[in-house]
Amino acid sequence: MTNREAIERLSVNKHDHLAVTSLHDNNTEIIRTTVIRYFGTGKVADKAEAALMRRMADHARLYEHHEDPEVWLARCASTECDRLRNEAIREKANKD
């Protein structure tokens, strides 16, 4: 399945496991690189990667058909990792 097909399937059903898996498998390098840039490696990064895939599935409905799917994916991954990191910082600050 291509990235475009996976994103389009997720735009209809964000719980389409095959589409999420395909998107992850097709883009493992960019996804892992982005997660490592924001979270490093280890358990936190693994949790962030899972959360990132859920969020990308959620945001697939915002994909415009004329967009390059690889560019959309890279932008979405970066934006969502930034949000996840900011949420973690806020959560930690509120605990203290």
C-alpha atoms as a PDB file:
ATOM      1  CA  MET A   1       0.000   0.000   0.000  1.00  0.00           C
ATOM      2  CA  THR A   2       1.352   3.426  -0.887  1.00  0.00           C
ATOM      3  CA  ASN A   3       1.542   6.318   1.567  1.00  0.00           C
ATOM      4  CA  ARG A   4      -1.256   8.107  -0.280  1.00  0.00           C
ATOM      5  CA  GLU A   5      -3.495   5.035  -0.106  1.00  0.00           C
ATOM      6  CA  ALA A   6      -2.761   4.552   3.598  1.00  0.00           C
ATOM      7  CA  ILE A   7      -3.465   8.202   4.423  1.00  0.00           C
ATOM      8  CA  GLU A   8      -6.680   8.156   2.405  1.00  0.00           C
ATOM      9  CA  ARG A   9      -7.842   4.987   4.170  1.00  0.00           C
ATOM     10  CA  LEU A  10      -7.048   6.558   7.542  1.00  0.00           C
ATOM     11  CA  SER A  11      -8.968   9.672   6.593  1.00  0.00           C
ATOM     12  CA  VAL A  12     -12.056   7.454   6.406  1.00  0.00           C
ATOM     13  CA  ASN A  13     -11.220   5.138   9.321  1.00  0.00           C
ATOM     14  CA  LYS A  14      -8.507   6.224  11.735  1.00  0.00           C
ATOM     15  CA  HIS A  15      -8.581   2.733  13.300  1.00  0.00           C
ATOM     16  CA  ASP A  16      -7.513   0.981  10.067  1.00  0.00           C
ATOM     17  CA  HIS A  17      -4.657  -1.079  11.507  1.00  0.00           C
ATOM     18  CA  LEU A  18      -3.389  -2.194   8.100  1.00  0.00           C
ATOM     19  CA  ALA A  19      -3.107   1.419   6.912  1.00  0.00           C
ATOM     20  CA  VAL A  20      -1.301   2.502  10.116  1.00  0.00           C
ATOM     21  CA  THR A  21       1.102  -0.423   9.824  1.00  0.00           C
ATOM     22  CA  SER A  22       1.731   0.294   6.156  1.00  0.00           C
ATOM     23  CA  LEU A  23       2.365   3.986   6.842  1.00  0.00           C
ATOM     24  CA  HIS A  24       4.789   3.079   9.614  1.00  0.00           C
ATOM     25  CA  ASP A  25       6.583   0.401   7.577  1.00  0.00           C
ATOM     26  CA  ASN A  26       6.922   2.671   4.534  1.00  0.00           C
ATOM     27  CA  ASN A  27       8.314   5.545   6.617  1.00  0.00           C
ATOM     28  CA  THR A  28      10.159   3.921   9.499  1.00  0.00           C
ATOM     29  CA  GLU A  29      13.319   5.953   8.950  1.00  0.00           C
ATOM     30  CA  ILE A  30      11.675   9.399   8.952  1.00  0.00           C
ATOM     31  CA  ILE A  31       9.393   8.476  11.863  1.00  0.00           C
ATOM     32  CA  ARG A  32      12.221   7.131  14.027  1.00  0.00           C
ATOM     33  CA  THR A  33      14.521  10.023  13.129  1.00  0.00           C
ATOM     34  CA  THR A  34      11.846  12.527  14.124  1.00  0.00           C
ATOM     35  CA  VAL A  35      11.043  10.733  17.376  1.00  0.00           C
ATOM     36  CA  ILE A  36      14.740  10.503  18.285  1.00  0.00           C
ATOM     37  CA  ARG A  37      15.196  14.212  17.548  1.00  0.00           C
ATOM     38  CA  TYR A  38      12.470  15.087  20.063  1.00  0.00           C
ATOM     39  CA  PHE A  39      12.669  12.254  22.617  1.00  0.00           C
ATOM     40  CA  GLY A  40      16.003  10.486  22.278  1.00  0.00           C
ATOM     41  CA  THR A  41      15.929   6.703  22.541  1.00  0.00           C
ATOM     42  CA  GLY A  42      14.458   4.278  25.051  1.00  0.00           C
ATOM     43  CA  LYS A  43      11.061   3.666  26.606  1.00  0.00           C
ATOM     44  CA  VAL A  44       9.912   7.284  26.327  1.00  0.00           C
ATOM     45  CA  ALA A  45      10.749   7.316  22.627  1.00  0.00           C
ATOM     46  CA  ASP A  46       8.914   4.017  22.091  1.00  0.00           C
ATOM     47  CA  LYS A  47       5.788   5.419  23.768  1.00  0.00           C
ATOM     48  CA  ALA A  48       6.121   8.638  21.779  1.00  0.00           C
ATOM     49  CA  GLU A  49       6.355   6.678  18.516  1.00  0.00           C
ATOM     50  CA  ALA A  50       3.151   4.793  19.303  1.00  0.00           C
ATOM     51  CA  ALA A  51       1.395   8.040  20.250  1.00  0.00           C
ATOM     52  CA  LEU A  52       2.704   9.675  17.080  1.00  0.00           C
ATOM     53  CA  MET A  53       1.203   6.960  14.901  1.00  0.00           C
ATOM     54  CA  ARG A  54      -2.176   7.358  16.637  1.00  0.00           C
ATOM     55  CA  ARG A  55      -2.068  11.112  16.108  1.00  0.00           C
ATOM     56  CA  MET A  56      -1.066  10.810  12.482  1.00  0.00           C
ATOM     57  CA  ALA A  57      -4.017   8.476  11.956  1.00  0.00           C
ATOM     58  CA  ASP A  58      -6.241  11.058  13.662  1.00  0.00           C
ATOM     59  CA  HIS A  59      -4.950  13.844  11.418  1.00  0.00           C
ATOM     60  CA  ALA A  60      -5.176  11.904   8.154  1.00  0.00           C
ATOM     61  CA  ARG A  61      -8.594  13.480   7.617  1.00  0.00           C
ATOM     62  CA  LEU A  62      -6.773  16.814   7.157  1.00  0.00           C
ATOM     63  CA  TYR A  63      -4.681  15.487   4.269  1.00  0.00           C
ATOM     64  CA  GLU A  64      -5.357  17.266   0.979  1.00  0.00           C
ATOM     65  CA  HIS A  65      -5.234  14.966  -2.052  1.00  0.00           C
ATOM     66  CA  HIS A  66      -2.988  17.375  -3.984  1.00  0.00           C
ATOM     67  CA  GLU A  67      -0.323  17.268  -1.235  1.00  0.00           C
ATOM     68  CA  ASP A  68       2.773  15.115  -1.545  1.00  0.00           C
ATOM     69  CA  PRO A  69       2.129  12.328   0.999  1.00  0.00           C
ATOM     70  CA  GLU A  70       5.781  12.088   2.027  1.00  0.00           C
ATOM     71  CA  VAL A  71       5.984  15.833   2.701  1.00  0.00           C
ATOM     72  CA  TRP A  72       2.687  15.696   4.611  1.00  0.00           C
ATOM     73  CA  LEU A  73       3.926  12.780   6.688  1.00  0.00           C
ATOM     74  CA  ALA A  74       7.236  14.458   7.584  1.00  0.00           C
ATOM     75  CA  ARG A  75       5.475  17.710   8.511  1.00  0.00           C
ATOM     76  CA  CYS A  76       2.814  15.906  10.542  1.00  0.00           C
ATOM     77  CA  ALA A  77       5.422  13.803  12.377  1.00  0.00           C
ATOM     78  CA  SER A  78       7.451  16.869  13.309  1.00  0.00           C
ATOM     79  CA  THR A  79       4.424  18.886  14.415  1.00  0.00           C
ATOM     80  CA  GLU A  80       2.979  16.068  16.496  1.00  0.00           C
ATOM     81  CA  CYS A  81       6.313  15.219  18.146  1.00  0.00           C
ATOM     82  CA  ASP A  82       6.661  18.882  19.096  1.00  0.00           C
ATOM     83  CA  ARG A  83       3.150  18.816  20.589  1.00  0.00           C
ATOM     84  CA  LEU A  84       3.812  15.566  22.448  1.00  0.00           C
ATOM     85  CA  ARG A  85       7.023  16.969  23.934  1.00  0.00           C
ATOM     86  CA  ASN A  86       5.297  20.201  24.980  1.00  0.00           C
ATOM     87  CA  GLU A  87       2.448  18.239  26.560  1.00  0.00           C
ATOM     88  CA  ALA A  88       4.956  16.117  28.516  1.00  0.00           C
ATOM     89  CA  ILE A  89       6.759  19.246  29.716  1.00  0.00           C
ATOM     90  CA  ARG A  90       3.475  20.836  30.839  1.00  0.00           C
ATOM     91  CA  GLU A  91       2.372  17.631  32.538  1.00  0.00           C
ATOM     92  CA  LYS A  92       5.669  17.373  34.409  1.00  0.00           C
ATOM     93  CA  ALA A  93       5.540  21.046  35.426  1.00  0.00           C
ATOM     94  CA  ASN A  94       2.029  20.605  36.790  1.00  0.00           C
ATOM     95  CA  LYS A  95       3.131  17.646  38.922  1.00  0.00           C
ATOM     96  CA  ASP A  96       5.880  19.623  40.630  1.00  0.00           C
END
